PDB file of N, CA and C in Angstrom:
ATOM      1  N   MET A   1       3.355 -27.097 -12.764  1.00  0.00           N
ATOM      2  CA  MET A   1       2.068 -26.437 -12.642  1.00  0.00           C
ATOM      3  C   MET A   1       2.221 -24.955 -12.991  1.00  0.00           C
ATOM      4  N   MET A   2       1.270 -24.436 -13.763  1.00  0.00           N
ATOM      5  CA  MET A   2       1.333 -23.036 -14.200  1.00  0.00           C
ATOM      6  C   MET A   2       0.828 -22.103 -13.099  1.00  0.00           C
ATOM      7  N   THR A   3       1.479 -20.966 -13.006  1.00  0.00           N
ATOM      8  CA  THR A   3       1.031 -19.944 -12.064  1.00  0.00           C
ATOM      9  C   THR A   3      -0.094 -19.130 -12.712  1.00  0.00           C
ATOM     10  N   ASP A   4      -0.813 -18.349 -11.890  1.00  0.00           N
ATOM     11  CA  ASP A   4      -1.850 -17.471 -12.441  1.00  0.00           C
ATOM     12  C   ASP A   4      -1.245 -16.490 -13.432  1.00  0.00           C
ATOM     13  N   GLN A   5      -0.028 -16.010 -13.151  1.00  0.00           N
ATOM     14  CA  GLN A   5       0.653 -15.066 -14.050  1.00  0.00           C
ATOM     15  C   GLN A   5       0.869 -15.695 -15.421  1.00  0.00           C
ATOM     16  N   GLU A   6       1.182 -16.978 -15.459  1.00  0.00           N
ATOM     17  CA  GLU A   6       1.396 -17.669 -16.729  1.00  0.00           C
ATOM     18  C   GLU A   6       0.072 -17.964 -17.432  1.00  0.00           C
ATOM     19  N   ARG A   7      -0.939 -18.352 -16.651  1.00  0.00           N
ATOM     20  CA  ARG A   7      -2.242 -18.679 -17.250  1.00  0.00           C
ATOM     21  C   ARG A   7      -2.997 -17.435 -17.693  1.00  0.00           C
ATOM     22  N   PHE A   8      -2.837 -16.342 -16.948  1.00  0.00           N
ATOM     23  CA  PHE A   8      -3.547 -15.095 -17.235  1.00  0.00           C
ATOM     24  C   PHE A   8      -2.543 -13.956 -17.330  1.00  0.00           C
ATOM     25  N   PRO A   9      -1.814 -13.870 -18.441  1.00  0.00           N
ATOM     26  CA  PRO A   9      -0.810 -12.808 -18.548  1.00  0.00           C
ATOM     27  C   PRO A   9      -1.470 -11.427 -18.461  1.00  0.00           C
ATOM     28  N   THR A  10      -0.797 -10.517 -17.795  1.00  0.00           N
ATOM     29  CA  THR A  10      -1.337  -9.172 -17.612  1.00  0.00           C
ATOM     30  C   THR A  10      -1.222  -8.396 -18.913  1.00  0.00           C
ATOM     31  N   PRO A  11      -2.350  -7.849 -19.405  1.00  0.00           N
ATOM     32  CA  PRO A  11      -2.289  -7.011 -20.600  1.00  0.00           C
ATOM     33  C   PRO A  11      -1.487  -5.744 -20.303  1.00  0.00           C
ATOM     34  N   ALA A  12      -1.030  -5.093 -21.337  1.00  0.00           N
ATOM     35  CA  ALA A  12      -0.281  -3.845 -21.189  1.00  0.00           C
ATOM     36  C   ALA A  12      -1.237  -2.652 -21.202  1.00  0.00           C
ATOM     37  N   VAL A  13      -0.787  -1.553 -20.631  1.00  0.00           N
ATOM     38  CA  VAL A  13      -1.562  -0.317 -20.700  1.00  0.00           C
ATOM     39  C   VAL A  13      -1.790   0.010 -22.172  1.00  0.00           C
ATOM     40  N   GLY A  14      -3.032   0.334 -22.514  1.00  0.00           N
ATOM     41  CA  GLY A  14      -3.391   0.636 -23.900  1.00  0.00           C
ATOM     42  C   GLY A  14      -3.989  -0.528 -24.658  1.00  0.00           C
ATOM     43  N   ASP A  15      -3.845  -1.749 -24.132  1.00  0.00           N
ATOM     44  CA  ASP A  15      -4.414  -2.924 -24.803  1.00  0.00           C
ATOM     45  C   ASP A  15      -5.936  -2.907 -24.701  1.00  0.00           C
ATOM     46  N   TRP A  16      -6.589  -3.374 -25.748  1.00  0.00           N
ATOM     47  CA  TRP A  16      -8.042  -3.548 -25.740  1.00  0.00           C
ATOM     48  C   TRP A  16      -8.343  -4.925 -25.193  1.00  0.00           C
ATOM     49  N   VAL A  17      -9.270  -4.992 -24.249  1.00  0.00           N
ATOM     50  CA  VAL A  17      -9.633  -6.263 -23.621  1.00  0.00           C
ATOM     51  C   VAL A  17     -11.150  -6.355 -23.496  1.00  0.00           C
ATOM     52  N   VAL A  18     -11.616  -7.574 -23.247  1.00  0.00           N
ATOM     53  CA  VAL A  18     -13.029  -7.817 -22.967  1.00  0.00           C
ATOM     54  C   VAL A  18     -13.110  -8.389 -21.559  1.00  0.00           C
ATOM     55  N   ASP A  19     -13.916  -7.766 -20.720  1.00  0.00           N
ATOM     56  CA  ASP A  19     -14.158  -8.263 -19.372  1.00  0.00           C
ATOM     57  C   ASP A  19     -15.143  -9.414 -19.514  1.00  0.00           C
ATOM     58  N   THR A  20     -14.697 -10.620 -19.207  1.00  0.00           N
ATOM     59  CA  THR A  20     -15.525 -11.805 -19.440  1.00  0.00           C
ATOM     60  C   THR A  20     -16.677 -11.918 -18.451  1.00  0.00           C
ATOM     61  N   ARG A  21     -16.665 -11.103 -17.400  1.00  0.00           N
ATOM     62  CA  ARG A  21     -17.774 -11.151 -16.447  1.00  0.00           C
ATOM     63  C   ARG A  21     -19.042 -10.552 -17.027  1.00  0.00           C
ATOM     64  N   ASP A  22     -18.902  -9.561 -17.931  1.00  0.00           N
ATOM     65  CA  ASP A  22     -20.099  -8.909 -18.490  1.00  0.00           C
ATOM     66  C   ASP A  22     -19.950  -8.537 -19.964  1.00  0.00           C
ATOM     67  N   ASP A  23     -18.898  -9.020 -20.605  1.00  0.00           N
ATOM     68  CA  ASP A  23     -18.643  -8.800 -22.029  1.00  0.00           C
ATOM     69  C   ASP A  23     -18.443  -7.334 -22.406  1.00  0.00           C
ATOM     70  N   ARG A  24     -18.024  -6.500 -21.458  1.00  0.00           N
ATOM     71  CA  ARG A  24     -17.708  -5.105 -21.792  1.00  0.00           C
ATOM     72  C   ARG A  24     -16.323  -5.033 -22.420  1.00  0.00           C
ATOM     73  N   THR A  25     -16.204  -4.235 -23.473  1.00  0.00           N
ATOM     74  CA  THR A  25     -14.921  -4.000 -24.118  1.00  0.00           C
ATOM     75  C   THR A  25     -14.365  -2.684 -23.602  1.00  0.00           C
ATOM     76  N   GLY A  26     -13.100  -2.687 -23.279  1.00  0.00           N
ATOM     77  CA  GLY A  26     -12.458  -1.470 -22.811  1.00  0.00           C
ATOM     78  C   GLY A  26     -10.967  -1.544 -23.036  1.00  0.00           C
ATOM     79  N   PHE A  27     -10.294  -0.443 -22.745  1.00  0.00           N
ATOM     80  CA  PHE A  27      -8.853  -0.484 -22.847  1.00  0.00           C
ATOM     81  C   PHE A  27      -8.251  -0.286 -21.467  1.00  0.00           C
ATOM     82  N   VAL A  28      -7.051  -0.790 -21.312  1.00  0.00           N
ATOM     83  CA  VAL A  28      -6.371  -0.736 -20.026  1.00  0.00           C
ATOM     84  C   VAL A  28      -5.781   0.658 -19.858  1.00  0.00           C
ATOM     85  N   LYS A  29      -6.291   1.396 -18.858  1.00  0.00           N
ATOM     86  CA  LYS A  29      -5.783   2.742 -18.559  1.00  0.00           C
ATOM     87  C   LYS A  29      -4.577   2.677 -17.642  1.00  0.00           C
ATOM     88  N   ALA A  30      -4.613   1.756 -16.704  1.00  0.00           N
ATOM     89  CA  ALA A  30      -3.529   1.649 -15.723  1.00  0.00           C
ATOM     90  C   ALA A  30      -3.567   0.261 -15.102  1.00  0.00           C
ATOM     91  N   ILE A  31      -2.459  -0.096 -14.485  1.00  0.00           N
ATOM     92  CA  ILE A  31      -2.374  -1.336 -13.725  1.00  0.00           C
ATOM     93  C   ILE A  31      -1.823  -0.963 -12.358  1.00  0.00           C
ATOM     94  N   VAL A  32      -2.630  -1.197 -11.331  1.00  0.00           N
ATOM     95  CA  VAL A  32      -2.242  -0.841  -9.967  1.00  0.00           C
ATOM     96  C   VAL A  32      -2.431  -2.065  -9.075  1.00  0.00           C
ATOM     97  N   ASP A  33      -1.362  -2.459  -8.435  1.00  0.00           N
ATOM     98  CA  ASP A  33      -1.396  -3.616  -7.528  1.00  0.00           C
ATOM     99  C   ASP A  33      -2.013  -4.850  -8.188  1.00  0.00           C
ATOM    100  N   GLY A  34      -1.686  -5.075  -9.451  1.00  0.00           N
ATOM    101  CA  GLY A  34      -2.171  -6.249 -10.163  1.00  0.00           C
ATOM    102  C   GLY A  34      -3.587  -6.138 -10.699  1.00  0.00           C
ATOM    103  N   ARG A  35      -4.256  -5.022 -10.426  1.00  0.00           N
ATOM    104  CA  ARG A  35      -5.633  -4.820 -10.912  1.00  0.00           C
ATOM    105  C   ARG A  35      -5.591  -3.920 -12.140  1.00  0.00           C
ATOM    106  N   LEU A  36      -6.397  -4.286 -13.122  1.00  0.00           N
ATOM    107  CA  LEU A  36      -6.490  -3.501 -14.355  1.00  0.00           C
ATOM    108  C   LEU A  36      -7.550  -2.424 -14.177  1.00  0.00           C
ATOM    109  N   HIS A  37      -7.218  -1.214 -14.539  1.00  0.00           N
ATOM    110  CA  HIS A  37      -8.184  -0.115 -14.543  1.00  0.00           C
ATOM    111  C   HIS A  37      -8.613   0.057 -15.993  1.00  0.00           C
ATOM    112  N   LEU A  38      -9.887  -0.214 -16.258  1.00  0.00           N
ATOM    113  CA  LEU A  38     -10.416  -0.265 -17.621  1.00  0.00           C
ATOM    114  C   LEU A  38     -11.362   0.899 -17.872  1.00  0.00           C
ATOM    115  N   ARG A  39     -11.432   1.287 -19.142  1.00  0.00           N
ATOM    116  CA  ARG A  39     -12.324   2.369 -19.546  1.00  0.00           C
ATOM    117  C   ARG A  39     -12.995   1.971 -20.847  1.00  0.00           C
ATOM    118  N   THR A  40     -14.280   2.268 -20.949  1.00  0.00           N
ATOM    119  CA  THR A  40     -14.988   1.982 -22.196  1.00  0.00           C
ATOM    120  C   THR A  40     -14.530   2.966 -23.267  1.00  0.00           C
ATOM    121  N   PRO A  41     -14.689   2.624 -24.527  1.00  0.00           N
ATOM    122  CA  PRO A  41     -14.243   3.502 -25.600  1.00  0.00           C
ATOM    123  C   PRO A  41     -14.921   4.867 -25.591  1.00  0.00           C
ATOM    124  N   SER A  42     -16.177   4.906 -25.211  1.00  0.00           N
ATOM    125  CA  SER A  42     -16.908   6.175 -25.293  1.00  0.00           C
ATOM    126  C   SER A  42     -16.960   6.926 -23.972  1.00  0.00           C
ATOM    127  N   GLY A  43     -16.126   6.543 -23.039  1.00  0.00           N
ATOM    128  CA  GLY A  43     -16.115   7.218 -21.741  1.00  0.00           C
ATOM    129  C   GLY A  43     -16.873   6.400 -20.724  1.00  0.00           C
ATOM    130  N   GLY A  44     -17.585   7.069 -19.875  1.00  0.00           N
ATOM    131  CA  GLY A  44     -18.332   6.353 -18.861  1.00  0.00           C
ATOM    132  C   GLY A  44     -17.483   6.077 -17.644  1.00  0.00           C
ATOM    133  N   VAL A  45     -18.001   5.234 -16.798  1.00  0.00           N
ATOM    134  CA  VAL A  45     -17.356   4.940 -15.529  1.00  0.00           C
ATOM    135  C   VAL A  45     -16.231   3.931 -15.734  1.00  0.00           C
ATOM    136  N   GLU A  46     -15.075   4.246 -15.182  1.00  0.00           N
ATOM    137  CA  GLU A  46     -13.952   3.326 -15.206  1.00  0.00           C
ATOM    138  C   GLU A  46     -14.259   2.166 -14.254  1.00  0.00           C
ATOM    139  N   TRP A  47     -13.778   0.977 -14.587  1.00  0.00           N
ATOM    140  CA  TRP A  47     -13.974  -0.163 -13.695  1.00  0.00           C
ATOM    141  C   TRP A  47     -12.680  -0.946 -13.585  1.00  0.00           C
ATOM    142  N   GLN A  48     -12.647  -1.867 -12.643  1.00  0.00           N
ATOM    143  CA  GLN A  48     -11.450  -2.659 -12.396  1.00  0.00           C
ATOM    144  C   GLN A  48     -11.726  -4.139 -12.619  1.00  0.00           C
ATOM    145  N   ALA A  49     -10.673  -4.830 -13.003  1.00  0.00           N
ATOM    146  CA  ALA A  49     -10.742  -6.282 -13.170  1.00  0.00           C
ATOM    147  C   ALA A  49      -9.359  -6.852 -12.890  1.00  0.00           C
ATOM    148  N   ILE A  50      -9.323  -8.131 -12.605  1.00  0.00           N
ATOM    149  CA  ILE A  50      -8.042  -8.808 -12.489  1.00  0.00           C
ATOM    150  C   ILE A  50      -7.778  -9.507 -13.822  1.00  0.00           C
ATOM    151  N   PRO A  51      -6.512  -9.769 -14.135  1.00  0.00           N
ATOM    152  CA  PRO A  51      -6.201 -10.392 -15.431  1.00  0.00           C
ATOM    153  C   PRO A  51      -6.975 -11.679 -15.709  1.00  0.00           C
ATOM    154  N   ALA A  52      -7.334 -12.438 -14.676  1.00  0.00           N
ATOM    155  CA  ALA A  52      -8.077 -13.685 -14.879  1.00  0.00           C
ATOM    156  C   ALA A  52      -9.488 -13.439 -15.407  1.00  0.00           C
ATOM    157  N   HIS A  53      -9.981 -12.219 -15.290  1.00  0.00           N
ATOM    158  CA  HIS A  53     -11.345 -11.898 -15.728  1.00  0.00           C
ATOM    159  C   HIS A  53     -11.402 -11.214 -17.087  1.00  0.00           C
ATOM    160  N   VAL A  54     -10.264 -11.082 -17.753  1.00  0.00           N
ATOM    161  CA  VAL A  54     -10.276 -10.444 -19.075  1.00  0.00           C
ATOM    162  C   VAL A  54      -9.603 -11.344 -20.098  1.00  0.00           C
ATOM    163  N   ARG A  55      -9.936 -11.065 -21.331  1.00  0.00           N
ATOM    164  CA  ARG A  55      -9.241 -11.711 -22.451  1.00  0.00           C
ATOM    165  C   ARG A  55      -8.928 -10.621 -23.459  1.00  0.00           C
ATOM    166  N   ALA A  56      -7.973 -10.881 -24.309  1.00  0.00           N
ATOM    167  CA  ALA A  56      -7.640  -9.913 -25.354  1.00  0.00           C
ATOM    168  C   ALA A  56      -8.837  -9.747 -26.281  1.00  0.00           C
ATOM    169  N   ALA A  57      -9.113  -8.510 -26.653  1.00  0.00           N
ATOM    170  CA  ALA A  57     -10.191  -8.259 -27.617  1.00  0.00           C
ATOM    171  C   ALA A  57      -9.748  -8.765 -28.986  1.00  0.00           C
ATOM    172  N   THR A  58     -10.691  -9.306 -29.745  1.00  0.00           N
ATOM    173  CA  THR A  58     -10.381  -9.707 -31.114  1.00  0.00           C
ATOM    174  C   THR A  58     -10.172  -8.442 -31.943  1.00  0.00           C
ATOM    175  N   ASP A  59      -9.623  -8.592 -33.130  1.00  0.00           N
ATOM    176  CA  ASP A  59      -9.452  -7.437 -34.016  1.00  0.00           C
ATOM    177  C   ASP A  59     -10.788  -6.761 -34.284  1.00  0.00           C
ATOM    178  N   SER A  60     -11.819  -7.564 -34.477  1.00  0.00           N
ATOM    179  CA  SER A  60     -13.158  -7.035 -34.748  1.00  0.00           C
ATOM    180  C   SER A  60     -13.696  -6.250 -33.548  1.00  0.00           C
ATOM    181  N   GLU A  61     -13.519  -6.798 -32.351  1.00  0.00           N
ATOM    182  CA  GLU A  61     -13.991  -6.118 -31.145  1.00  0.00           C
ATOM    183  C   GLU A  61     -13.236  -4.807 -30.919  1.00  0.00           C
ATOM    184  N   ALA A  62     -11.929  -4.835 -31.142  1.00  0.00           N
ATOM    185  CA  ALA A  62     -11.125  -3.619 -30.970  1.00  0.00           C
ATOM    186  C   ALA A  62     -11.527  -2.562 -32.000  1.00  0.00           C
ATOM    187  N   LEU A  63     -11.774  -2.982 -33.244  1.00  0.00           N
ATOM    188  CA  LEU A  63     -12.198  -2.037 -34.275  1.00  0.00           C
ATOM    189  C   LEU A  63     -13.556  -1.439 -33.926  1.00  0.00           C
ATOM    190  N   SER A  64     -14.491  -2.264 -33.498  1.00  0.00           N
ATOM    191  CA  SER A  64     -15.807  -1.760 -33.090  1.00  0.00           C
ATOM    192  C   SER A  64     -15.679  -0.751 -31.956  1.00  0.00           C
ATOM    193  N   ALA A  65     -14.795  -1.034 -31.009  1.00  0.00           N
ATOM    194  CA  ALA A  65     -14.584  -0.122 -29.879  1.00  0.00           C
ATOM    195  C   ALA A  65     -14.003   1.202 -30.357  1.00  0.00           C
ATOM    196  N   ARG A  66     -13.058   1.146 -31.283  1.00  0.00           N
ATOM    197  CA  ARG A  66     -12.455   2.387 -31.810  1.00  0.00           C
ATOM    198  C   ARG A  66     -13.479   3.198 -32.596  1.00  0.00           C
ATOM    199  N   VAL A  67     -14.329   2.532 -33.353  1.00  0.00           N
ATOM    200  CA  VAL A  67     -15.378   3.236 -34.108  1.00  0.00           C
ATOM    201  C   VAL A  67     -16.350   3.901 -33.144  1.00  0.00           C
ATOM    202  N   ALA A  68     -16.728   3.198 -32.090  1.00  0.00           N
ATOM    203  CA  ALA A  68     -17.622   3.773 -31.085  1.00  0.00           C
ATOM    204  C   ALA A  68     -16.979   5.000 -30.448  1.00  0.00           C
ATOM    205  N   GLU A  69     -15.677   4.923 -30.184  1.00  0.00           N
ATOM    206  CA  GLU A  69     -14.958   6.046 -29.593  1.00  0.00           C
ATOM    207  C   GLU A  69     -14.932   7.235 -30.553  1.00  0.00           C
ATOM    208  N   ALA A  70     -14.664   6.961 -31.829  1.00  0.00           N
ATOM    209  CA  ALA A  70     -14.634   8.035 -32.828  1.00  0.00           C
ATOM    210  C   ALA A  70     -16.013   8.664 -32.988  1.00  0.00           C
ATOM    211  N   ASN A  71     -17.044   7.832 -33.008  1.00  0.00           N
ATOM    212  CA  ASN A  71     -18.407   8.349 -33.135  1.00  0.00           C
ATOM    213  C   ASN A  71     -18.792   9.199 -31.931  1.00  0.00           C
ATOM    214  N   ALA A  72     -18.411   8.760 -30.748  1.00  0.00           N
ATOM    215  CA  ALA A  72     -18.723   9.532 -29.543  1.00  0.00           C
ATOM    216  C   ALA A  72     -17.998  10.872 -29.587  1.00  0.00           C
ATOM    217  N   GLY A  73     -16.775  10.876 -30.049  1.00  0.00           N
ATOM    218  CA  GLY A  73     -16.012  12.119 -30.149  1.00  0.00           C
ATOM    219  C   GLY A  73     -16.582  13.057 -31.176  1.00  0.00           C
ATOM    220  N   SER A  74     -17.025  12.520 -32.316  1.00  0.00           N
ATOM    221  CA  SER A  74     -17.569  13.398 -33.352  1.00  0.00           C
ATOM    222  C   SER A  74     -18.913  13.959 -32.924  1.00  0.00           C
ATOM    223  N   SER A  75     -19.709  13.182 -32.212  1.00  0.00           N
ATOM    224  CA  SER A  75     -20.984  13.684 -31.711  1.00  0.00           C
ATOM    225  C   SER A  75     -20.755  14.793 -30.699  1.00  0.00           C
ATOM    226  N   ALA A  76     -19.758  14.609 -29.839  1.00  0.00           N
ATOM    227  CA  ALA A  76     -19.459  15.621 -28.829  1.00  0.00           C
ATOM    228  C   ALA A  76     -19.012  16.912 -29.504  1.00  0.00           C
ATOM    229  N   ASN A  77     -18.228  16.790 -30.578  1.00  0.00           N
ATOM    230  CA  ASN A  77     -17.759  17.994 -31.274  1.00  0.00           C
ATOM    231  C   ASN A  77     -18.910  18.730 -31.948  1.00  0.00           C
ATOM    232  N   ILE A  78     -19.857  17.996 -32.491  1.00  0.00           N
ATOM    233  CA  ILE A  78     -21.010  18.641 -33.129  1.00  0.00           C
ATOM    234  C   ILE A  78     -21.787  19.430 -32.094  1.00  0.00           C
ATOM    235  N   TRP A  79     -22.014  18.829 -30.938  1.00  0.00           N
ATOM    236  CA  TRP A  79     -22.801  19.514 -29.900  1.00  0.00           C
ATOM    237  C   TRP A  79     -22.041  20.686 -29.331  1.00  0.00           C
ATOM    238  N   ARG A  80     -20.716  20.613 -29.292  1.00  0.00           N
ATOM    239  CA  ARG A  80     -19.949  21.734 -28.769  1.00  0.00           C
ATOM    240  C   ARG A  80     -20.010  22.932 -29.704  1.00  0.00           C
ATOM    241  N   LEU A  81     -20.161  22.673 -30.995  1.00  0.00           N
ATOM    242  CA  LEU A  81     -20.225  23.774 -31.950  1.00  0.00           C
ATOM    243  C   LEU A  81     -21.507  24.579 -31.759  1.00  0.00           C
ATOM    244  N   GLY A  82     -22.534  23.920 -31.328  1.00  0.00           N
ATOM    245  CA  GLY A  82     -23.777  24.612 -31.071  1.00  0.00           C
ATOM    246  C   GLY A  82     -24.586  24.820 -32.347  1.00  0.00           C
ATOM    247  N   PRO A  83     -25.806  25.287 -32.200  1.00  0.00           N
ATOM    248  CA  PRO A  83     -26.684  25.483 -33.347  1.00  0.00           C
ATOM    249  C   PRO A  83     -26.189  26.642 -34.216  1.00  0.00           C
ATOM    250  N   GLY A  84     -26.348  26.463 -35.501  1.00  0.00           N
ATOM    251  CA  GLY A  84     -26.013  27.524 -36.450  1.00  0.00           C
ATOM    252  C   GLY A  84     -24.551  27.825 -36.602  1.00  0.00           C
ATOM    253  N   TRP A  85     -23.688  26.888 -36.312  1.00  0.00           N
ATOM    254  CA  TRP A  85     -22.254  27.135 -36.426  1.00  0.00           C
ATOM    255  C   TRP A  85     -21.912  27.363 -37.852  1.00  0.00           C
TER     256      TRP A  85
END
């Protein structure tokens, strides 16, 4: 019989995952006491999940997340420059 660890391997810090409870894509910021600390690509509130509630993001999902992160960063830089830069 397979253990939960075997059925739901713990992703590594930095891995892109999808929380299957609500289809949010995020990356693993930390792992504390078996719980994954996840963050969305564009910031926002960090949330937690257990490995059984996530799956690895597909290449397409990870790329979309990285693009969203880049877009959020570029928008923030434009606003930081201010008007008439």
